[in-house]
Amino acid sequence: MNWNMAAEEKFKLLINKMPIFLRATASAQVSKKAQSLAAADNRSEITEKDMVDAFFAETPFGFQGLMKNDLVNVGIDYTKYGHAK
């Protein structure tokens, strides 16, 4: 499955903001979830929305505040995808 180029760039930026020991696991889990979300909609491209929804689904609630800050810092308004501030 292919990534939208802009979404993939932001995905990489977000993964690189994580502690190094979490990056590989987080990258695999979020990527897998984003792929499943796109596939569920019968699409062959992962969009920014898929990526954002995957981060919210795979990030434990206690760490979502930090994740939200990181999303904003890379230029993503996650609220437009239905996630609360």
C-alpha atoms as a PDB file:
ATOM      1  CA  MET A   1       0.000   0.000   0.000  1.00  0.00           C
ATOM      2  CA  ASN A   2       1.271   3.461  -0.869  1.00  0.00           C
ATOM      3  CA  TRP A   3       1.457   6.525   1.316  1.00  0.00           C
ATOM      4  CA  ASN A   4       0.373   9.981   0.250  1.00  0.00           C
ATOM      5  CA  MET A   5       3.744  11.741  -0.008  1.00  0.00           C
ATOM      6  CA  ALA A   6       2.906  14.604   2.393  1.00  0.00           C
ATOM      7  CA  ALA A   7       1.401  12.197   4.927  1.00  0.00           C
ATOM      8  CA  GLU A   8       4.467   9.972   4.783  1.00  0.00           C
ATOM      9  CA  GLU A   9       6.790  12.938   5.398  1.00  0.00           C
ATOM     10  CA  LYS A  10       4.776  13.961   8.450  1.00  0.00           C
ATOM     11  CA  PHE A  11       4.663  10.351   9.645  1.00  0.00           C
ATOM     12  CA  LYS A  12       8.463  10.191   9.557  1.00  0.00           C
ATOM     13  CA  LEU A  13       8.759  13.509  11.405  1.00  0.00           C
ATOM     14  CA  LEU A  14       6.389  12.276  14.108  1.00  0.00           C
ATOM     15  CA  ILE A  15       8.202   8.965  14.530  1.00  0.00           C
ATOM     16  CA  ASN A  16      11.529  10.801  14.834  1.00  0.00           C
ATOM     17  CA  LYS A  17      10.133  12.899  17.703  1.00  0.00           C
ATOM     18  CA  MET A  18       9.676   9.730  19.770  1.00  0.00           C
ATOM     19  CA  PRO A  19      12.298   8.268  22.070  1.00  0.00           C
ATOM     20  CA  ILE A  20      14.618   6.134  19.969  1.00  0.00           C
ATOM     21  CA  PHE A  21      13.744   2.920  21.809  1.00  0.00           C
ATOM     22  CA  LEU A  22      10.046   3.301  20.852  1.00  0.00           C
ATOM     23  CA  ARG A  23      10.458   4.304  17.212  1.00  0.00           C
ATOM     24  CA  ALA A  24      10.556   0.905  15.524  1.00  0.00           C
ATOM     25  CA  THR A  25       7.581  -0.454  17.456  1.00  0.00           C
ATOM     26  CA  ALA A  26       5.524   2.723  17.063  1.00  0.00           C
ATOM     27  CA  SER A  27       6.339   2.949  13.363  1.00  0.00           C
ATOM     28  CA  ALA A  28       5.248  -0.644  12.762  1.00  0.00           C
ATOM     29  CA  GLN A  29       2.044  -0.405  14.813  1.00  0.00           C
ATOM     30  CA  VAL A  30       0.884   2.957  13.477  1.00  0.00           C
ATOM     31  CA  SER A  31       1.773   2.046   9.900  1.00  0.00           C
ATOM     32  CA  LYS A  32      -0.116  -1.253  10.148  1.00  0.00           C
ATOM     33  CA  LYS A  33      -3.175   0.494  11.605  1.00  0.00           C
ATOM     34  CA  ALA A  34      -3.088   3.226   8.930  1.00  0.00           C
ATOM     35  CA  GLN A  35      -2.939   0.544   6.234  1.00  0.00           C
ATOM     36  CA  SER A  36      -5.912  -1.272   7.729  1.00  0.00           C
ATOM     37  CA  LEU A  37      -7.934   1.955   7.886  1.00  0.00           C
ATOM     38  CA  ALA A  38      -7.245   2.716   4.220  1.00  0.00           C
ATOM     39  CA  ALA A  39      -7.999  -0.883   3.221  1.00  0.00           C
ATOM     40  CA  ALA A  40     -11.290  -0.787   5.134  1.00  0.00           C
ATOM     41  CA  ASP A  41     -12.306   2.127   2.891  1.00  0.00           C
ATOM     42  CA  ASN A  42     -11.145   0.213  -0.213  1.00  0.00           C
ATOM     43  CA  ARG A  43      -8.350   2.707  -0.873  1.00  0.00           C
ATOM     44  CA  SER A  44      -4.801   1.928  -1.937  1.00  0.00           C
ATOM     45  CA  GLU A  45      -3.293   5.127  -0.515  1.00  0.00           C
ATOM     46  CA  ILE A  46      -2.755   6.040   3.119  1.00  0.00           C
ATOM     47  CA  THR A  47      -3.859   9.619   3.768  1.00  0.00           C
ATOM     48  CA  GLU A  48      -3.074  12.078   6.531  1.00  0.00           C
ATOM     49  CA  LYS A  49      -6.433  11.228   8.121  1.00  0.00           C
ATOM     50  CA  ASP A  50      -5.542   7.527   8.170  1.00  0.00           C
ATOM     51  CA  MET A  51      -2.226   8.353   9.805  1.00  0.00           C
ATOM     52  CA  VAL A  52      -3.800  10.637  12.423  1.00  0.00           C
ATOM     53  CA  ASP A  53      -6.541   8.113  13.220  1.00  0.00           C
ATOM     54  CA  ALA A  54      -3.881   5.404  13.521  1.00  0.00           C
ATOM     55  CA  PHE A  55      -1.789   7.492  15.933  1.00  0.00           C
ATOM     56  CA  PHE A  56      -4.849   8.061  18.117  1.00  0.00           C
ATOM     57  CA  ALA A  57      -5.786   4.369  17.993  1.00  0.00           C
ATOM     58  CA  GLU A  58      -2.297   3.090  18.798  1.00  0.00           C
ATOM     59  CA  THR A  59      -1.090   5.690  21.320  1.00  0.00           C
ATOM     60  CA  PRO A  60      -2.014   4.994  24.954  1.00  0.00           C
ATOM     61  CA  PHE A  61      -4.322   7.670  26.371  1.00  0.00           C
ATOM     62  CA  GLY A  62      -1.727   8.875  28.886  1.00  0.00           C
ATOM     63  CA  PHE A  63       0.619   9.840  26.046  1.00  0.00           C
ATOM     64  CA  GLN A  64      -1.926  11.422  23.730  1.00  0.00           C
ATOM     65  CA  GLY A  65      -1.310  14.930  25.074  1.00  0.00           C
ATOM     66  CA  LEU A  66       2.317  14.734  23.952  1.00  0.00           C
ATOM     67  CA  MET A  67       1.225  13.196  20.659  1.00  0.00           C
ATOM     68  CA  LYS A  68      -1.238  16.040  20.052  1.00  0.00           C
ATOM     69  CA  ASN A  69       1.552  18.574  20.600  1.00  0.00           C
ATOM     70  CA  ASP A  70       3.745  16.709  18.121  1.00  0.00           C
ATOM     71  CA  LEU A  71       0.926  16.613  15.562  1.00  0.00           C
ATOM     72  CA  VAL A  72       0.469  20.376  15.846  1.00  0.00           C
ATOM     73  CA  ASN A  73       4.229  20.928  15.634  1.00  0.00           C
ATOM     74  CA  VAL A  74       4.401  19.148  12.273  1.00  0.00           C
ATOM     75  CA  GLY A  75       1.439  21.150  10.947  1.00  0.00           C
ATOM     76  CA  ILE A  76      -1.464  18.767  11.465  1.00  0.00           C
ATOM     77  CA  ASP A  77      -4.811  20.018  12.755  1.00  0.00           C
ATOM     78  CA  TYR A  78      -6.043  16.742  14.191  1.00  0.00           C
ATOM     79  CA  THR A  79      -9.379  18.296  15.215  1.00  0.00           C
ATOM     80  CA  LYS A  80     -10.475  18.411  11.563  1.00  0.00           C
ATOM     81  CA  TYR A  81     -10.430  14.602  11.657  1.00  0.00           C
ATOM     82  CA  GLY A  82     -12.837  14.440  14.598  1.00  0.00           C
ATOM     83  CA  HIS A  83     -10.376  14.249  17.495  1.00  0.00           C
ATOM     84  CA  ALA A  84     -10.927  16.533  20.494  1.00  0.00           C
ATOM     85  CA  LYS A  85      -8.369  19.042  21.711  1.00  0.00           C
END
